Amino acid sequence: MSSLEPLGPAALVIRRTRIVLEGAVGVIVLAAAWTAVRRVWDVHLTVWALVAVGAIVFVGAWLWAGVDHRRWGWRLGEDLFEVQRGVIVRQTALVPRSRIQNVTTSAGPLQTRFGLVTLTVHTAGARTRNVSIEDLDVGHAEAIRRRLGLA
């Protein structure tokens, strides 16, 4: 059987872009909370401690996104559609091609900007769950649809 296809480099860019955007929102919320605590309880928090904690969390999330990106992979064989992911807990989803009923794609604004989609393989029956690949290149998603005869 062939090796797993990795996610493209744009997937890592979009994941790190999300981290930056979420970090910006976090800074605004943290600044508001810090101001409220200082006014209500007259507590003198050191702003540098908050900056240090925020920087550690940001760097950790940035590095985690890179590791997570490298751990995603997919393969469409003659009999199975396989998706692997997970950093600490490795998850493998195997979907028999005979159980695949439909393939859908969706894209948010950031995904559209970077030419990515979330591909979901819908299955027949309750025992086989749907499988999704986030931040997949549009070209790969269309190739999967064509190979499954669902384009």
Protein backbone atom coordinates (compact mmCIF):
# COMPACT_ATOMS: atom_id res chain seq x y z
CA MET A 1 0.00 0.00 0.00
CA SER A 2 1.24 3.51 -0.77
CA SER A 3 2.34 5.98 1.87
CA LEU A 4 0.07 8.61 3.37
CA GLU A 5 -0.40 11.93 1.62
CA PRO A 6 0.47 14.85 3.91
CA LEU A 7 -1.45 18.08 4.18
CA GLY A 8 0.00 20.86 2.06
CA PRO A 9 2.07 23.79 3.37
CA ALA A 10 -0.94 26.12 3.16
CA ALA A 11 -2.61 24.03 5.89
CA LEU A 12 0.18 24.95 8.30
CA VAL A 13 -0.04 28.62 7.31
CA ILE A 14 -3.78 28.73 7.96
CA ARG A 15 -3.46 26.92 11.28
CA ARG A 16 -0.83 29.38 12.46
CA THR A 17 -2.92 32.29 11.15
CA ARG A 18 -5.77 31.04 13.35
CA ILE A 19 -3.37 31.00 16.32
CA VAL A 20 -2.40 34.63 15.67
CA LEU A 21 -6.05 35.69 15.38
CA GLU A 22 -7.04 33.77 18.51
CA GLY A 23 -4.03 35.23 20.30
CA ALA A 24 -5.12 38.75 19.38
CA VAL A 25 -8.57 38.09 20.82
CA GLY A 26 -6.92 36.59 23.90
CA VAL A 27 -4.81 39.72 24.40
CA ILE A 28 -7.90 41.92 24.25
CA VAL A 29 -9.79 39.72 26.74
CA LEU A 30 -6.76 39.50 29.03
CA ALA A 31 -6.24 43.27 28.96
CA ALA A 32 -9.89 43.86 29.83
CA ALA A 33 -9.75 41.32 32.67
CA TRP A 34 -6.50 42.79 33.99
CA THR A 35 -8.00 46.28 33.99
CA ALA A 36 -11.17 45.08 35.73
CA VAL A 37 -9.25 43.20 38.44
CA ARG A 38 -7.07 46.21 39.15
CA ARG A 39 -10.06 48.52 39.45
CA VAL A 40 -12.37 46.26 41.47
CA TRP A 41 -9.94 44.71 43.94
CA ASP A 42 -7.07 47.20 43.84
CA VAL A 43 -4.69 44.32 43.14
CA HIS A 44 -1.38 45.23 41.58
CA LEU A 45 -0.61 42.57 39.05
CA THR A 46 2.66 42.75 37.22
CA VAL A 47 1.91 43.19 33.56
CA TRP A 48 5.16 41.44 32.66
CA ALA A 49 3.96 38.23 34.31
CA LEU A 50 0.86 38.31 32.12
CA VAL A 51 2.97 39.02 29.03
CA ALA A 52 5.30 36.14 29.88
CA VAL A 53 2.44 33.67 30.36
CA GLY A 54 0.82 34.84 27.12
CA ALA A 55 4.10 34.49 25.22
CA ILE A 56 4.63 30.96 26.55
CA VAL A 57 1.11 29.94 25.56
CA PHE A 58 1.51 31.52 22.10
CA VAL A 59 4.87 29.82 21.41
CA GLY A 60 3.50 26.50 22.65
CA ALA A 61 0.47 26.76 20.37
CA TRP A 62 2.67 27.78 17.42
CA LEU A 63 4.95 24.76 17.89
CA TRP A 64 2.00 22.41 18.52
CA ALA A 65 0.43 23.47 15.20
CA GLY A 66 3.61 22.42 13.38
CA VAL A 67 3.74 19.02 15.06
CA ASP A 68 0.00 18.46 14.52
CA HIS A 69 0.33 19.42 10.84
CA ARG A 70 3.06 16.81 10.32
CA ARG A 71 0.93 14.10 11.95
CA TRP A 72 -2.03 14.44 9.55
CA GLY A 73 -2.09 12.13 6.54
CA TRP A 74 -4.57 10.50 4.21
CA ARG A 75 -4.64 7.79 1.58
CA LEU A 76 -7.27 6.61 -0.89
CA GLY A 77 -6.59 3.02 -1.86
CA GLU A 78 -8.52 0.55 -3.97
CA ASP A 79 -10.57 -0.67 -0.99
CA LEU A 80 -10.14 1.91 1.79
CA PHE A 81 -10.05 5.61 2.53
CA GLU A 82 -7.66 6.17 5.44
CA VAL A 83 -7.06 9.27 7.56
CA GLN A 84 -4.47 9.44 10.34
CA ARG A 85 -3.99 12.27 12.79
CA GLY A 86 -3.08 13.05 16.38
CA VAL A 87 0.00 14.10 18.28
CA ILE A 88 -0.35 12.40 21.65
CA VAL A 89 -3.17 10.00 20.79
CA ARG A 90 -2.80 8.66 17.26
CA GLN A 91 -6.17 8.18 15.54
CA THR A 92 -6.70 6.19 12.37
CA ALA A 93 -10.00 6.19 10.52
CA LEU A 94 -10.50 3.49 7.90
CA VAL A 95 -13.55 3.75 5.66
CA PRO A 96 -14.27 0.95 3.18
CA ARG A 97 -14.93 2.42 -0.24
CA SER A 98 -18.09 0.34 -0.45
CA ARG A 99 -19.50 2.31 2.53
CA ILE A 100 -18.79 5.77 1.07
CA GLN A 101 -22.02 7.43 -0.06
CA ASN A 102 -21.10 11.05 -0.53
CA VAL A 103 -18.21 13.50 -0.31
CA THR A 104 -18.82 17.12 0.66
CA THR A 105 -16.54 20.10 0.98
CA SER A 106 -16.94 23.27 2.97
CA ALA A 107 -14.71 26.30 3.40
CA GLY A 108 -14.64 29.22 5.77
CA PRO A 109 -13.30 32.64 4.84
CA LEU A 110 -9.68 31.82 5.77
CA GLN A 111 -9.80 28.50 3.98
CA THR A 112 -11.17 30.18 0.86
CA ARG A 113 -8.37 32.76 0.99
CA PHE A 114 -5.72 30.00 1.10
CA GLY A 115 -7.40 27.62 -1.38
CA LEU A 116 -8.29 25.01 1.23
CA VAL A 117 -11.43 23.10 2.18
CA THR A 118 -12.70 20.69 4.79
CA LEU A 119 -13.49 17.44 3.02
CA THR A 120 -16.01 15.13 4.66
CA VAL A 121 -16.54 11.56 3.52
CA HIS A 122 -20.08 10.48 4.42
CA THR A 123 -20.68 6.81 5.00
CA ALA A 124 -23.60 4.41 4.87
CA GLY A 125 -24.78 2.84 8.09
CA ALA A 126 -24.42 3.68 11.73
CA ARG A 127 -21.33 1.56 12.41
CA THR A 128 -19.06 3.54 10.08
CA ARG A 129 -18.65 7.20 10.97
CA ASN A 130 -18.06 10.12 8.69
CA VAL A 131 -14.43 11.15 8.28
CA SER A 132 -13.19 14.71 7.74
CA ILE A 133 -9.90 16.21 6.66
CA GLU A 134 -9.51 19.86 7.61
CA ASP A 135 -7.46 22.28 5.53
CA LEU A 136 -7.06 20.05 2.49
CA ASP A 137 -5.95 21.58 -0.80
CA VAL A 138 -8.88 22.09 -3.20
CA GLY A 139 -7.04 20.09 -5.88
CA HIS A 140 -6.66 17.08 -3.60
CA ALA A 141 -10.31 17.27 -2.59
CA GLU A 142 -11.43 17.28 -6.23
CA ALA A 143 -9.07 14.38 -7.02
CA ILE A 144 -10.61 12.35 -4.19
CA ARG A 145 -14.11 13.07 -5.51
CA ARG A 146 -13.11 12.06 -9.04
CA ARG A 147 -11.46 8.81 -7.89
CA LEU A 148 -14.57 7.91 -5.92
CA GLY A 149 -16.79 8.71 -8.91
CA LEU A 150 -18.70 11.35 -6.90
CA ALA A 151 -17.64 14.48 -8.78
